[in-house]
Protein backbone atom coordinates (compact mmCIF):
# COMPACT_ATOMS: atom_id res chain seq x y z
CA MET A 1 -16.77 -58.54 -50.01
CA ILE A 2 -14.76 -55.54 -51.17
CA PRO A 3 -14.07 -53.53 -47.99
CA ILE A 4 -11.16 -51.66 -49.61
CA LEU A 5 -11.41 -50.17 -53.10
CA TRP A 6 -7.82 -49.01 -53.36
CA GLN A 7 -4.69 -48.98 -51.22
CA GLY A 8 -1.36 -47.34 -51.90
CA GLY A 9 1.09 -47.21 -49.04
CA PRO A 10 -0.52 -45.52 -46.02
CA LEU A 11 -3.47 -44.31 -48.10
CA VAL A 12 -6.49 -46.61 -47.89
CA VAL A 13 -9.73 -45.92 -49.77
CA GLN A 14 -12.58 -47.68 -47.96
CA THR A 15 -15.50 -48.93 -50.05
CA HIS A 16 -18.06 -47.78 -47.49
CA ASP A 17 -16.61 -44.26 -47.41
CA VAL A 18 -16.64 -43.96 -51.21
CA PHE A 19 -20.27 -45.04 -51.51
CA SER A 20 -21.26 -42.82 -48.58
CA LEU A 21 -19.72 -39.81 -50.32
CA LEU A 22 -21.34 -40.79 -53.60
CA ALA A 23 -24.72 -41.10 -51.84
CA VAL A 24 -24.36 -37.59 -50.39
CA LEU A 25 -23.43 -36.11 -53.78
CA VAL A 26 -26.26 -37.87 -55.61
CA GLY A 27 -28.81 -36.98 -52.92
CA PHE A 28 -27.93 -33.30 -52.82
CA GLY A 29 -27.75 -33.20 -56.61
CA ILE A 30 -31.37 -34.42 -56.87
CA TYR A 31 -32.43 -32.07 -54.06
CA TYR A 32 -30.83 -28.99 -55.64
CA ARG A 33 -32.23 -29.81 -59.06
CA SER A 34 -35.73 -30.15 -57.62
CA LEU A 35 -35.36 -26.78 -55.88
CA ARG A 36 -34.01 -25.16 -59.03
CA ASP A 37 -36.88 -26.48 -61.15
CA SER A 38 -39.29 -25.02 -58.59
CA GLY A 39 -37.50 -21.66 -58.47
CA LEU A 40 -36.59 -22.10 -54.79
CA LEU A 41 -32.81 -22.55 -54.97
CA GLU A 42 -31.02 -19.73 -53.15
CA HIS A 43 -28.04 -19.19 -50.86
CA ARG A 44 -30.01 -19.72 -47.63
CA ILE A 45 -31.15 -23.14 -48.79
CA VAL A 46 -27.58 -24.09 -49.66
CA LEU A 47 -26.42 -23.04 -46.19
CA ALA A 48 -29.29 -24.93 -44.56
CA SER A 49 -28.45 -28.06 -46.57
CA LEU A 50 -24.86 -27.89 -45.34
CA ALA A 51 -26.25 -27.81 -41.80
CA VAL A 52 -28.35 -30.86 -42.70
CA LEU A 53 -25.18 -32.66 -43.77
CA VAL A 54 -23.35 -31.82 -40.54
CA GLY A 55 -26.38 -32.75 -38.43
CA GLY A 56 -26.72 -36.01 -40.32
CA VAL A 57 -23.10 -36.98 -39.68
CA LEU A 58 -23.39 -36.19 -35.97
CA GLY A 59 -26.77 -37.88 -35.63
CA ALA A 60 -25.53 -41.02 -37.36
CA ARG A 61 -22.81 -41.36 -34.74
CA LEU A 62 -24.68 -40.24 -31.65
CA ILE A 63 -27.76 -42.43 -32.11
CA THR A 64 -25.70 -45.60 -31.67
CA ALA A 65 -23.76 -44.35 -28.63
CA TRP A 66 -26.18 -45.86 -26.10
CA GLU A 67 -25.61 -49.32 -27.59
CA HIS A 68 -21.87 -49.37 -26.90
CA PRO A 69 -21.09 -47.75 -23.53
CA ALA A 70 -18.21 -50.17 -22.89
CA PHE A 71 -16.51 -49.13 -26.12
CA TYR A 72 -16.50 -45.48 -25.13
CA ALA A 73 -15.35 -46.21 -21.59
CA ASN A 74 -12.47 -48.42 -22.73
CA SER A 75 -11.43 -46.04 -25.51
CA ILE A 76 -11.31 -43.07 -23.15
CA ALA A 77 -9.47 -45.14 -20.52
CA VAL A 78 -6.65 -46.00 -22.92
CA GLY A 79 -6.42 -42.41 -24.15
CA ALA A 80 -7.64 -43.03 -27.70
CA PRO A 81 -7.90 -39.86 -29.84
CA LEU A 82 -11.39 -38.39 -30.11
CA GLY A 83 -11.32 -38.67 -33.90
CA TRP A 84 -10.52 -42.39 -33.70
CA ILE A 85 -13.30 -42.96 -31.18
CA VAL A 86 -15.84 -41.21 -33.40
CA GLU A 87 -14.68 -43.05 -36.53
CA HIS A 88 -14.98 -46.50 -34.90
CA SER A 89 -18.07 -45.91 -32.77
CA GLY A 90 -20.62 -47.12 -35.29
CA LYS A 91 -23.22 -45.19 -37.22
CA SER A 92 -26.82 -45.45 -38.34
CA ILE A 93 -28.77 -43.93 -41.20
CA LEU A 94 -31.68 -43.48 -38.79
CA GLY A 95 -29.59 -41.10 -36.73
CA ALA A 96 -28.49 -39.36 -39.91
CA LEU A 97 -32.12 -38.72 -40.87
CA ALA A 98 -33.06 -37.47 -37.41
CA GLY A 99 -29.93 -35.33 -37.00
CA GLY A 100 -30.22 -33.90 -40.49
CA TYR A 101 -33.87 -33.00 -40.01
CA ALA A 102 -33.22 -31.26 -36.69
CA ALA A 103 -30.23 -29.37 -38.08
CA GLY A 104 -32.22 -28.25 -41.11
CA VAL A 105 -35.05 -26.88 -38.98
CA LEU A 106 -32.66 -24.97 -36.72
CA ALA A 107 -30.65 -23.63 -39.66
CA LYS A 108 -33.74 -22.35 -41.46
CA ARG A 109 -34.91 -20.55 -38.35
CA ALA A 110 -31.48 -18.97 -37.87
CA LEU A 111 -31.42 -17.86 -41.51
CA GLY A 112 -34.96 -16.51 -41.40
CA TYR A 113 -36.23 -18.92 -44.06
CA ARG A 114 -39.89 -19.77 -43.56
CA GLY A 115 -40.62 -21.87 -46.64
CA SER A 116 -40.89 -25.66 -46.68
CA THR A 117 -38.51 -27.66 -48.83
CA ALA A 118 -39.15 -31.05 -47.21
CA ASP A 119 -40.83 -32.63 -50.20
CA HIS A 120 -37.81 -31.84 -52.38
CA TYR A 121 -35.90 -34.38 -50.28
CA ALA A 122 -38.51 -37.09 -50.97
CA LEU A 123 -36.84 -38.46 -54.10
CA ALA A 124 -33.29 -37.63 -53.04
CA LEU A 125 -33.43 -39.76 -49.89
CA PRO A 126 -34.39 -43.16 -51.37
CA VAL A 127 -31.94 -42.77 -54.26
CA ALA A 128 -29.11 -41.76 -51.94
CA THR A 129 -29.98 -44.53 -49.48
CA ALA A 130 -29.92 -47.14 -52.24
CA VAL A 131 -26.45 -45.98 -53.29
CA GLY A 132 -25.19 -45.98 -49.71
CA ARG A 133 -26.56 -49.44 -48.99
CA ILE A 134 -24.58 -50.88 -51.89
CA GLY A 135 -21.47 -49.73 -50.05
CA CYS A 136 -22.73 -51.42 -46.87
CA PHE A 137 -23.34 -54.67 -48.76
CA LEU A 138 -19.81 -54.65 -50.17
CA SER A 139 -18.02 -53.84 -46.93
CA GLU A 140 -19.95 -54.98 -43.84
CA LEU A 141 -20.51 -58.29 -42.09
CA PRO A 142 -22.68 -60.00 -41.10
CA LEU A 143 -24.93 -59.52 -44.10
CA GLY A 144 -27.88 -60.87 -42.15
CA THR A 145 -29.20 -63.84 -40.23
CA PRO A 146 -28.91 -67.43 -41.55
CA THR A 147 -31.22 -68.43 -44.38
CA ASN A 148 -31.94 -71.39 -46.65
CA LEU A 149 -33.39 -69.18 -49.39
CA PRO A 150 -31.73 -69.54 -52.80
CA TRP A 151 -30.36 -65.99 -52.71
CA GLY A 152 -28.56 -66.46 -49.39
CA ILE A 153 -24.90 -65.38 -49.56
CA THR A 154 -21.91 -67.13 -48.01
CA VAL A 155 -18.54 -65.44 -47.47
CA PRO A 156 -15.12 -67.14 -47.35
CA PRO A 157 -13.62 -67.82 -43.88
CA GLN A 158 -10.69 -65.48 -44.56
CA THR A 159 -13.13 -62.64 -45.24
CA ALA A 160 -15.13 -63.35 -42.08
CA ALA A 161 -11.88 -63.31 -40.08
CA MET A 162 -11.43 -59.64 -41.00
CA PHE A 163 -14.37 -58.70 -38.77
CA ALA A 164 -14.44 -58.80 -34.98
CA ARG A 165 -18.05 -59.98 -34.98
CA CYS A 166 -19.60 -62.21 -37.62
CA PRO A 167 -21.77 -64.80 -35.85
CA TYR A 168 -23.56 -66.02 -38.98
CA CYS A 169 -20.65 -66.19 -41.41
CA GLY A 170 -20.51 -69.97 -41.27
CA GLY A 171 -23.29 -70.37 -43.83
CA PRO A 172 -25.60 -68.50 -46.22
CA MET A 173 -27.01 -65.22 -44.88
CA HIS A 174 -29.85 -62.89 -45.80
CA PRO A 175 -28.47 -60.05 -47.98
CA SER A 176 -30.39 -57.56 -45.83
CA MET A 177 -28.68 -54.52 -47.36
CA LEU A 178 -29.87 -55.56 -50.81
CA TYR A 179 -33.42 -55.79 -49.47
CA GLU A 180 -33.12 -52.12 -48.53
CA VAL A 181 -31.64 -51.26 -51.92
CA LEU A 182 -34.63 -52.90 -53.64
CA PHE A 183 -37.12 -51.17 -51.34
CA ASN A 184 -35.63 -47.74 -51.98
CA VAL A 185 -35.50 -48.25 -55.74
CA VAL A 186 -39.20 -49.15 -55.69
CA ALA A 187 -39.91 -46.19 -53.39
CA ALA A 188 -38.17 -43.81 -55.81
CA ILE A 189 -40.26 -45.12 -58.71
CA VAL A 190 -43.48 -44.77 -56.71
CA ILE A 191 -42.57 -41.20 -55.69
CA VAL A 192 -41.91 -40.17 -59.29
CA ARG A 193 -45.16 -41.77 -60.48
CA PHE A 194 -47.58 -40.76 -57.73
CA ARG A 195 -46.09 -37.73 -55.95
CA HIS A 196 -48.80 -35.44 -57.34
CA ARG A 197 -51.45 -37.31 -55.35
CA ILE A 198 -50.14 -36.05 -52.00
CA VAL A 199 -51.27 -32.44 -51.78
CA ALA A 200 -50.39 -31.60 -48.16
CA ARG A 201 -47.03 -29.85 -48.02
CA GLY A 202 -44.32 -31.94 -46.38
CA ASP A 203 -46.36 -35.15 -46.37
CA LEU A 204 -44.64 -36.65 -49.40
CA LEU A 205 -41.41 -36.84 -47.40
CA ARG A 206 -43.24 -38.02 -44.28
CA ALA A 207 -45.00 -40.77 -46.26
CA TYR A 208 -41.65 -42.05 -47.53
CA LEU A 209 -40.13 -41.92 -44.05
CA LEU A 210 -43.05 -43.83 -42.54
CA ALA A 211 -42.83 -46.54 -45.20
CA ASP A 212 -39.05 -46.68 -44.87
CA PHE A 213 -39.11 -46.91 -41.07
CA VAL A 214 -41.71 -49.70 -41.11
CA PHE A 215 -39.72 -51.61 -43.72
CA ARG A 216 -36.48 -51.14 -41.79
CA PHE A 217 -38.17 -52.35 -38.60
CA LEU A 218 -39.15 -55.56 -40.38
CA VAL A 219 -35.76 -56.01 -42.05
CA GLU A 220 -34.11 -55.83 -38.64
CA PHE A 221 -35.46 -59.32 -37.91
CA VAL A 222 -33.09 -60.69 -40.57
CA ARG A 223 -30.38 -58.01 -40.31
CA GLY A 224 -28.16 -59.70 -37.76
CA ASN A 225 -27.85 -56.82 -35.29
CA GLU A 226 -27.58 -57.61 -31.59
CA VAL A 227 -30.73 -57.63 -29.45
CA GLN A 228 -30.65 -54.70 -27.03
CA ALA A 229 -33.98 -54.56 -25.16
CA PHE A 230 -37.43 -56.20 -25.16
CA GLY A 231 -36.26 -58.71 -27.75
CA LEU A 232 -35.59 -55.90 -30.21
CA THR A 233 -32.41 -54.59 -31.78
CA GLY A 234 -31.13 -51.08 -31.17
CA PRO A 235 -32.53 -49.70 -34.45
CA GLN A 236 -35.93 -51.25 -33.73
CA VAL A 237 -36.06 -49.58 -30.32
CA VAL A 238 -35.28 -46.23 -31.95
CA LEU A 239 -37.74 -46.82 -34.80
CA LEU A 240 -40.79 -47.51 -32.63
CA PRO A 241 -41.35 -43.91 -31.40
CA MET A 242 -40.47 -42.51 -34.83
CA ILE A 243 -43.07 -44.73 -36.50
CA ALA A 244 -45.64 -43.84 -33.84
CA LEU A 245 -45.13 -40.09 -34.33
CA LEU A 246 -45.43 -40.31 -38.11
CA ALA A 247 -48.49 -42.55 -37.91
CA LEU A 248 -50.12 -40.10 -35.49
CA HIS A 249 -49.41 -37.27 -37.91
CA PHE A 250 -51.20 -39.03 -40.75
CA VAL A 251 -54.15 -39.93 -38.52
CA ARG A 252 -54.53 -36.23 -37.71
CA GLN A 253 -54.19 -35.32 -41.35
CA ALA A 254 -56.92 -37.77 -42.29
CA ARG A 255 -59.24 -36.33 -39.65
CA ARG A 256 -58.63 -32.84 -41.06
CA SER A 257 -59.36 -34.11 -44.60
CA ALA A 258 -55.89 -32.94 -45.61
CA PHE A 259 -55.74 -35.54 -48.38
CA HIS A 260 -58.88 -34.28 -50.10
CA VAL A 261 -58.10 -33.02 -53.57
CA PRO A 262 -60.22 -29.93 -54.50
CA ALA A 263 -62.61 -30.33 -57.40
CA PRO A 264 -61.39 -28.90 -60.71
CA PRO A 265 -62.65 -25.42 -61.69
CA ALA A 266 -65.83 -25.07 -63.73
CA PRO A 267 -65.44 -25.09 -67.52
CA ALA A 268 -64.90 -21.69 -69.12
CA ASP A 269 -68.19 -21.85 -71.04
CA SER A 270 -70.43 -22.27 -68.00
CA LEU A 271 -70.91 -20.92 -64.48
CA VAL A 272 -72.77 -22.41 -61.58
CA ALA A 273 -75.88 -20.46 -60.61
CA PRO A 274 -78.46 -21.32 -57.92
CA ASP A 275 -80.70 -22.88 -60.59
CA GLY A 276 -77.89 -24.81 -62.24
CA PRO A 277 -75.20 -24.18 -64.85
CA VAL A 278 -75.64 -21.13 -67.04
CA ALA A 279 -74.44 -21.32 -70.62
CA ILE A 280 -72.33 -18.41 -71.81
CA PRO A 281 -72.89 -17.41 -75.41
CA PRO A 282 -69.74 -17.63 -77.53
CA GLY A 283 -67.75 -14.40 -77.46
CA GLN A 284 -69.71 -12.94 -74.53
CA ARG A 285 -67.73 -12.17 -71.38
CA PRO A 286 -69.58 -12.63 -68.08
CA ALA A 287 -70.04 -9.60 -65.85
CA TRP A 288 -69.58 -11.64 -62.65
CA ARG A 289 -66.97 -14.03 -61.35
CA THR A 290 -67.17 -17.41 -59.68
CA ALA A 291 -66.04 -17.75 -56.09
């Protein structure tokens, strides 16, 4: 555990904050490069991406608020500063994704931008998430639920004592954050290799989000978060409707044959006529065109 990277007097550099900033920089760097290579990078997109960042920060905080009503009530009762309350209220990458998406949509509408840039986030998100999760692994406890697997990780008692809640720190735990790092690295490789096979605009990003949400739902069983309702953790409760909406989208897309790849055009030396292909003599230009 390395919760603090550097400390000098009153200045403390938190590991989680450093990796979170690094994840944002890496993610937007990949996003902007993808837009630039496609000729889509312009000032409106930059402004919209800043709105995505703000929406992501707010969403990350707000989505966990319902899990800790007592914290907010007690903090307000003792007159804690709003900034302190926000900083210590917890956060979730699921809320960041939802808040960022909503902010991006609203910003594009306000700026009069009608194009879709969703798929340009498809590679940026898993890479940025992998970077951010390394920071979580180095600075958060518990790492996961107890395990007897050979890669279970045990932390020293003095490290566990630094955290108000660490129910599984007495023995080896699942390194659940590293599971997410591995998943997102594999997802990034798959996106680079097979992204051309998804032809419907925006569905590359949606496919990643669906896979990521399902994986995160399963990881929650070994994550170590508190059960909130119906035997599920807070993130699992939030994930269920998100998974359902994405799954419904892909069912509709399949019914509309949105994943059908058009056949390649006819060779230049032949055209399709009612009676079959017609050979074109070398050097002769046809007087008609194919549809």
